[in-house]
Every structure is written in structure tokens, then in C-alpha cells.
Amino acid sequence: MLFAKRLRELRLERGLSQEKLAEIAGLHRNYVGVLERSVSSATLDAIYKLAAALKVRPAELLENLP
């Protein structure tokens, strides 16, 4: 749940839609929505791609997670 919240927060801070973030990251747009709703866990590969697209370190997507 915290990963999903952080992902959405960073995406919105950058003014990106789920579709645009997915395009930049090279992921399917539905996958970004699934991650933001905590329906599925992100793969390590997806975390790296999303971090690069959001211009943050991968660790920033995982900060404060239990």
C-alpha cells in the first residue's frame, strides 16, 4: 500500500498520467494502475524502470516501507 501511494504521489508531482508514465517507463499503462491500486506487487525490473521515468533513485520508491 505504501509503495502504491508513493508511486502515485511522485507521478502526480511530475504532472504525469498513468498512461504517460507507463509510456516513458516502457510498461503497459494498465500495469501502472494495478500497482497504484496495490492489486499486484511491482517486479524489481518495474521498480527500476519507474524510478528512471520519475527521475528518482529506486530507493525513493521504497522509502518508509515496512
PDB file of N, CA and C in Angstrom:
ATOM      1  N   MET A   1       0.823  -1.194   0.000  1.00  0.00           N
ATOM      2  CA  MET A   1       0.000   0.000   0.000  1.00  0.00           C
ATOM      3  C   MET A   1       0.867   1.258   0.000  1.00  0.00           C
ATOM      4  N   LEU A   2       1.949   1.269   0.763  1.00  0.00           N
ATOM      5  CA  LEU A   2       2.799   2.445   0.811  1.00  0.00           C
ATOM      6  C   LEU A   2       3.521   2.672  -0.514  1.00  0.00           C
ATOM      7  N   PHE A   3       3.947   1.585  -1.171  1.00  0.00           N
ATOM      8  CA  PHE A   3       4.574   1.720  -2.480  1.00  0.00           C
ATOM      9  C   PHE A   3       3.596   2.361  -3.450  1.00  0.00           C
ATOM     10  N   ALA A   4       2.374   1.900  -3.450  1.00  0.00           N
ATOM     11  CA  ALA A   4       1.352   2.429  -4.352  1.00  0.00           C
ATOM     12  C   ALA A   4       1.132   3.921  -4.116  1.00  0.00           C
ATOM     13  N   LYS A   5       1.063   4.299  -2.864  1.00  0.00           N
ATOM     14  CA  LYS A   5       0.859   5.708  -2.511  1.00  0.00           C
ATOM     15  C   LYS A   5       2.045   6.552  -2.963  1.00  0.00           C
ATOM     16  N   ARG A   6       3.253   6.056  -2.733  1.00  0.00           N
ATOM     17  CA  ARG A   6       4.463   6.789  -3.115  1.00  0.00           C
ATOM     18  C   ARG A   6       4.557   6.922  -4.627  1.00  0.00           C
ATOM     19  N   LEU A   7       4.246   5.860  -5.341  1.00  0.00           N
ATOM     20  CA  LEU A   7       4.276   5.884  -6.802  1.00  0.00           C
ATOM     21  C   LEU A   7       3.310   6.938  -7.333  1.00  0.00           C
ATOM     22  N   ARG A   8       2.099   6.929  -6.825  1.00  0.00           N
ATOM     23  CA  ARG A   8       1.086   7.894  -7.269  1.00  0.00           C
ATOM     24  C   ARG A   8       1.508   9.323  -6.922  1.00  0.00           C
ATOM     25  N   GLU A   9       2.026   9.492  -5.735  1.00  0.00           N
ATOM     26  CA  GLU A   9       2.474  10.806  -5.283  1.00  0.00           C
ATOM     27  C   GLU A   9       3.550  11.373  -6.215  1.00  0.00           C
ATOM     28  N   LEU A  10       4.553  10.571  -6.520  1.00  0.00           N
ATOM     29  CA  LEU A  10       5.632  11.022  -7.400  1.00  0.00           C
ATOM     30  C   LEU A  10       5.126  11.281  -8.816  1.00  0.00           C
ATOM     31  N   ARG A  11       4.234  10.438  -9.289  1.00  0.00           N
ATOM     32  CA  ARG A  11       3.678  10.611 -10.636  1.00  0.00           C
ATOM     33  C   ARG A  11       2.914  11.930 -10.728  1.00  0.00           C
ATOM     34  N   LEU A  12       2.073  12.195  -9.738  1.00  0.00           N
ATOM     35  CA  LEU A  12       1.279  13.421  -9.752  1.00  0.00           C
ATOM     36  C   LEU A  12       2.147  14.663  -9.578  1.00  0.00           C
ATOM     37  N   GLU A  13       3.187  14.577  -8.752  1.00  0.00           N
ATOM     38  CA  GLU A  13       4.113  15.701  -8.580  1.00  0.00           C
ATOM     39  C   GLU A  13       4.745  16.100  -9.904  1.00  0.00           C
ATOM     40  N   ARG A  14       4.924  15.129 -10.778  1.00  0.00           N
ATOM     41  CA  ARG A  14       5.552  15.391 -12.066  1.00  0.00           C
ATOM     42  C   ARG A  14       4.532  15.686 -13.163  1.00  0.00           C
ATOM     43  N   GLY A  15       3.260  15.698 -12.792  1.00  0.00           N
ATOM     44  CA  GLY A  15       2.206  16.021 -13.751  1.00  0.00           C
ATOM     45  C   GLY A  15       2.013  14.974 -14.827  1.00  0.00           C
ATOM     46  N   LEU A  16       2.268  13.726 -14.474  1.00  0.00           N
ATOM     47  CA  LEU A  16       2.152  12.637 -15.445  1.00  0.00           C
ATOM     48  C   LEU A  16       0.867  11.842 -15.233  1.00  0.00           C
ATOM     49  N   SER A  17       0.257  11.439 -16.320  1.00  0.00           N
ATOM     50  CA  SER A  17      -0.854  10.496 -16.237  1.00  0.00           C
ATOM     51  C   SER A  17      -0.263   9.100 -16.086  1.00  0.00           C
ATOM     52  N   GLN A  18      -1.089   8.154 -15.703  1.00  0.00           N
ATOM     53  CA  GLN A  18      -0.617   6.767 -15.628  1.00  0.00           C
ATOM     54  C   GLN A  18      -0.136   6.313 -17.001  1.00  0.00           C
ATOM     55  N   GLU A  19      -0.868   6.703 -18.018  1.00  0.00           N
ATOM     56  CA  GLU A  19      -0.523   6.304 -19.379  1.00  0.00           C
ATOM     57  C   GLU A  19       0.827   6.879 -19.800  1.00  0.00           C
ATOM     58  N   LYS A  20       1.077   8.147 -19.498  1.00  0.00           N
ATOM     59  CA  LYS A  20       2.344   8.774 -19.882  1.00  0.00           C
ATOM     60  C   LYS A  20       3.511   8.169 -19.103  1.00  0.00           C
ATOM     61  N   LEU A  21       3.311   7.941 -17.808  1.00  0.00           N
ATOM     62  CA  LEU A  21       4.365   7.310 -17.014  1.00  0.00           C
ATOM     63  C   LEU A  21       4.697   5.933 -17.572  1.00  0.00           C
ATOM     64  N   ALA A  22       3.678   5.167 -17.887  1.00  0.00           N
ATOM     65  CA  ALA A  22       3.892   3.829 -18.441  1.00  0.00           C
ATOM     66  C   ALA A  22       4.659   3.903 -19.759  1.00  0.00           C
ATOM     67  N   GLU A  23       4.314   4.858 -20.592  1.00  0.00           N
ATOM     68  CA  GLU A  23       4.990   5.035 -21.880  1.00  0.00           C
ATOM     69  C   GLU A  23       6.472   5.349 -21.671  1.00  0.00           C
ATOM     70  N   ILE A  24       6.765   6.277 -20.782  1.00  0.00           N
ATOM     71  CA  ILE A  24       8.152   6.667 -20.512  1.00  0.00           C
ATOM     72  C   ILE A  24       8.936   5.494 -19.928  1.00  0.00           C
ATOM     73  N   ALA A  25       8.281   4.739 -19.052  1.00  0.00           N
ATOM     74  CA  ALA A  25       8.942   3.624 -18.375  1.00  0.00           C
ATOM     75  C   ALA A  25       9.005   2.357 -19.227  1.00  0.00           C
ATOM     76  N   GLY A  26       8.271   2.334 -20.319  1.00  0.00           N
ATOM     77  CA  GLY A  26       8.257   1.136 -21.153  1.00  0.00           C
ATOM     78  C   GLY A  26       7.425   0.010 -20.552  1.00  0.00           C
ATOM     79  N   LEU A  27       6.369   0.408 -19.833  1.00  0.00           N
ATOM     80  CA  LEU A  27       5.460  -0.561 -19.206  1.00  0.00           C
ATOM     81  C   LEU A  27       4.063  -0.382 -19.772  1.00  0.00           C
ATOM     82  N   HIS A  28       3.221  -1.373 -19.578  1.00  0.00           N
ATOM     83  CA  HIS A  28       1.830  -1.261 -20.014  1.00  0.00           C
ATOM     84  C   HIS A  28       1.095  -0.324 -19.071  1.00  0.00           C
ATOM     85  N   ARG A  29       0.234   0.521 -19.615  1.00  0.00           N
ATOM     86  CA  ARG A  29      -0.459   1.508 -18.778  1.00  0.00           C
ATOM     87  C   ARG A  29      -1.341   0.858 -17.722  1.00  0.00           C
ATOM     88  N   ASN A  30      -1.907  -0.295 -18.037  1.00  0.00           N
ATOM     89  CA  ASN A  30      -2.734  -0.984 -17.040  1.00  0.00           C
ATOM     90  C   ASN A  30      -1.898  -1.439 -15.849  1.00  0.00           C
ATOM     91  N   TYR A  31      -0.641  -1.765 -16.097  1.00  0.00           N
ATOM     92  CA  TYR A  31       0.247  -2.227 -15.033  1.00  0.00           C
ATOM     93  C   TYR A  31       0.481  -1.122 -14.008  1.00  0.00           C
ATOM     94  N   VAL A  32       0.661   0.099 -14.472  1.00  0.00           N
ATOM     95  CA  VAL A  32       0.856   1.227 -13.554  1.00  0.00           C
ATOM     96  C   VAL A  32      -0.387   1.385 -12.675  1.00  0.00           C
ATOM     97  N   GLY A  33      -1.565   1.273 -13.262  1.00  0.00           N
ATOM     98  CA  GLY A  33      -2.806   1.356 -12.490  1.00  0.00           C
ATOM     99  C   GLY A  33      -2.922   0.240 -11.466  1.00  0.00           C
ATOM    100  N   VAL A  34      -2.528  -0.945 -11.860  1.00  0.00           N
ATOM    101  CA  VAL A  34      -2.563  -2.098 -10.959  1.00  0.00           C
ATOM    102  C   VAL A  34      -1.630  -1.862  -9.773  1.00  0.00           C
ATOM    103  N   LEU A  35      -0.455  -1.306 -10.049  1.00  0.00           N
ATOM    104  CA  LEU A  35       0.499  -1.023  -8.973  1.00  0.00           C
ATOM    105  C   LEU A  35      -0.032   0.060  -8.042  1.00  0.00           C
ATOM    106  N   GLU A  36      -0.633   1.095  -8.600  1.00  0.00           N
ATOM    107  CA  GLU A  36      -1.145   2.186  -7.772  1.00  0.00           C
ATOM    108  C   GLU A  36      -2.337   1.764  -6.921  1.00  0.00           C
ATOM    109  N   ARG A  37      -3.038   0.731  -7.342  1.00  0.00           N
ATOM    110  CA  ARG A  37      -4.170   0.223  -6.562  1.00  0.00           C
ATOM    111  C   ARG A  37      -3.754  -0.916  -5.636  1.00  0.00           C
ATOM    112  N   SER A  38      -2.492  -1.259  -5.631  1.00  0.00           N
ATOM    113  CA  SER A  38      -1.952  -2.348  -4.803  1.00  0.00           C
ATOM    114  C   SER A  38      -2.587  -3.695  -5.113  1.00  0.00           C
ATOM    115  N   VAL A  39      -2.982  -3.878  -6.352  1.00  0.00           N
ATOM    116  CA  VAL A  39      -3.553  -5.155  -6.768  1.00  0.00           C
ATOM    117  C   VAL A  39      -2.443  -6.188  -6.944  1.00  0.00           C
ATOM    118  N   SER A  40      -1.265  -5.696  -7.329  1.00  0.00           N
ATOM    119  CA  SER A  40      -0.121  -6.566  -7.564  1.00  0.00           C
ATOM    120  C   SER A  40       1.135  -5.875  -7.042  1.00  0.00           C
ATOM    121  N   SER A  41       2.145  -6.661  -6.773  1.00  0.00           N
ATOM    122  CA  SER A  41       3.428  -6.113  -6.353  1.00  0.00           C
ATOM    123  C   SER A  41       4.288  -5.851  -7.577  1.00  0.00           C
ATOM    124  N   ALA A  42       5.109  -4.827  -7.492  1.00  0.00           N
ATOM    125  CA  ALA A  42       5.998  -4.481  -8.601  1.00  0.00           C
ATOM    126  C   ALA A  42       7.185  -5.428  -8.649  1.00  0.00           C
ATOM    127  N   THR A  43       7.602  -5.749  -9.843  1.00  0.00           N
ATOM    128  CA  THR A  43       8.828  -6.519 -10.006  1.00  0.00           C
ATOM    129  C   THR A  43      10.013  -5.570  -9.818  1.00  0.00           C
ATOM    130  N   LEU A  44      11.160  -6.119  -9.564  1.00  0.00           N
ATOM    131  CA  LEU A  44      12.361  -5.306  -9.417  1.00  0.00           C
ATOM    132  C   LEU A  44      12.640  -4.534 -10.705  1.00  0.00           C
ATOM    133  N   ASP A  45      12.445  -5.185 -11.827  1.00  0.00           N
ATOM    134  CA  ASP A  45      12.635  -4.543 -13.128  1.00  0.00           C
ATOM    135  C   ASP A  45      11.701  -3.333 -13.266  1.00  0.00           C
ATOM    136  N   ALA A  46      10.449  -3.493 -12.874  1.00  0.00           N
ATOM    137  CA  ALA A  46       9.480  -2.396 -12.967  1.00  0.00           C
ATOM    138  C   ALA A  46       9.862  -1.249 -12.040  1.00  0.00           C
ATOM    139  N   ILE A  47      10.347  -1.562 -10.859  1.00  0.00           N
ATOM    140  CA  ILE A  47      10.773  -0.518  -9.917  1.00  0.00           C
ATOM    141  C   ILE A  47      11.880   0.318 -10.539  1.00  0.00           C
ATOM    142  N   TYR A  48      12.852  -0.325 -11.156  1.00  0.00           N
ATOM    143  CA  TYR A  48      13.945   0.400 -11.798  1.00  0.00           C
ATOM    144  C   TYR A  48      13.444   1.246 -12.966  1.00  0.00           C
ATOM    145  N   LYS A  49      12.556   0.698 -13.774  1.00  0.00           N
ATOM    146  CA  LYS A  49      12.014   1.445 -14.914  1.00  0.00           C
ATOM    147  C   LYS A  49      11.189   2.648 -14.443  1.00  0.00           C
ATOM    148  N   LEU A  50      10.362   2.441 -13.432  1.00  0.00           N
ATOM    149  CA  LEU A  50       9.544   3.539 -12.912  1.00  0.00           C
ATOM    150  C   LEU A  50      10.416   4.617 -12.284  1.00  0.00           C
ATOM    151  N   ALA A  51      11.420   4.209 -11.540  1.00  0.00           N
ATOM    152  CA  ALA A  51      12.326   5.171 -10.918  1.00  0.00           C
ATOM    153  C   ALA A  51      13.025   6.014 -11.983  1.00  0.00           C
ATOM    154  N   ALA A  52      13.494   5.376 -13.031  1.00  0.00           N
ATOM    155  CA  ALA A  52      14.158   6.110 -14.111  1.00  0.00           C
ATOM    156  C   ALA A  52      13.190   7.088 -14.769  1.00  0.00           C
ATOM    157  N   ALA A  53      11.971   6.645 -15.004  1.00  0.00           N
ATOM    158  CA  ALA A  53      10.970   7.507 -15.635  1.00  0.00           C
ATOM    159  C   ALA A  53      10.602   8.691 -14.748  1.00  0.00           C
ATOM    160  N   LEU A  54      10.611   8.472 -13.443  1.00  0.00           N
ATOM    161  CA  LEU A  54      10.277   9.523 -12.490  1.00  0.00           C
ATOM    162  C   LEU A  54      11.497  10.343 -12.071  1.00  0.00           C
ATOM    163  N   LYS A  55      12.674   9.929 -12.561  1.00  0.00           N
ATOM    164  CA  LYS A  55      13.944  10.609 -12.255  1.00  0.00           C
ATOM    165  C   LYS A  55      14.236  10.626 -10.751  1.00  0.00           C
ATOM    166  N   VAL A  56      14.076   9.452 -10.142  1.00  0.00           N
ATOM    167  CA  VAL A  56      14.410   9.264  -8.732  1.00  0.00           C
ATOM    168  C   VAL A  56      15.233   7.983  -8.605  1.00  0.00           C
ATOM    169  N   ARG A  57      15.884   7.838  -7.468  1.00  0.00           N
ATOM    170  CA  ARG A  57      16.578   6.577  -7.191  1.00  0.00           C
ATOM    171  C   ARG A  57      15.518   5.524  -6.870  1.00  0.00           C
ATOM    172  N   PRO A  58      15.739   4.279  -7.236  1.00  0.00           N
ATOM    173  CA  PRO A  58      14.762   3.237  -6.902  1.00  0.00           C
ATOM    174  C   PRO A  58      14.409   3.219  -5.426  1.00  0.00           C
ATOM    175  N   ALA A  59      15.381   3.505  -4.574  1.00  0.00           N
ATOM    176  CA  ALA A  59      15.141   3.511  -3.133  1.00  0.00           C
ATOM    177  C   ALA A  59      14.064   4.527  -2.737  1.00  0.00           C
ATOM    178  N   GLU A  60      13.934   5.607  -3.496  1.00  0.00           N
ATOM    179  CA  GLU A  60      12.923   6.623  -3.175  1.00  0.00           C
ATOM    180  C   GLU A  60      11.501   6.099  -3.366  1.00  0.00           C
ATOM    181  N   LEU A  61      11.342   5.107  -4.221  1.00  0.00           N
ATOM    182  CA  LEU A  61      10.027   4.486  -4.379  1.00  0.00           C
ATOM    183  C   LEU A  61       9.720   3.545  -3.218  1.00  0.00           C
ATOM    184  N   LEU A  62      10.770   3.122  -2.542  1.00  0.00           N
ATOM    185  CA  LEU A  62      10.604   2.131  -1.474  1.00  0.00           C
ATOM    186  C   LEU A  62      10.793   2.713  -0.080  1.00  0.00           C
ATOM    187  N   GLU A  63      11.042   4.007   0.028  1.00  0.00           N
ATOM    188  CA  GLU A  63      11.264   4.620   1.332  1.00  0.00           C
ATOM    189  C   GLU A  63      10.054   4.443   2.228  1.00  0.00           C
ATOM    190  N   ASN A  64      10.340   4.223   3.495  1.00  0.00           N
ATOM    191  CA  ASN A  64       9.323   4.088   4.541  1.00  0.00           C
ATOM    192  C   ASN A  64       8.426   2.877   4.387  1.00  0.00           C
ATOM    193  N   LEU A  65       8.867   1.895   3.625  1.00  0.00           N
ATOM    194  CA  LEU A  65       8.090   0.662   3.516  1.00  0.00           C
ATOM    195  C   LEU A  65       8.511  -0.277   4.649  1.00  0.00           C
ATOM    196  N   PRO A  66       7.549  -1.001   5.189  1.00  0.00           N
ATOM    197  CA  PRO A  66       7.890  -1.923   6.282  1.00  0.00           C
ATOM    198  C   PRO A  66       8.737  -3.088   5.807  1.00  0.00           C
TER     199      PRO A  66
END
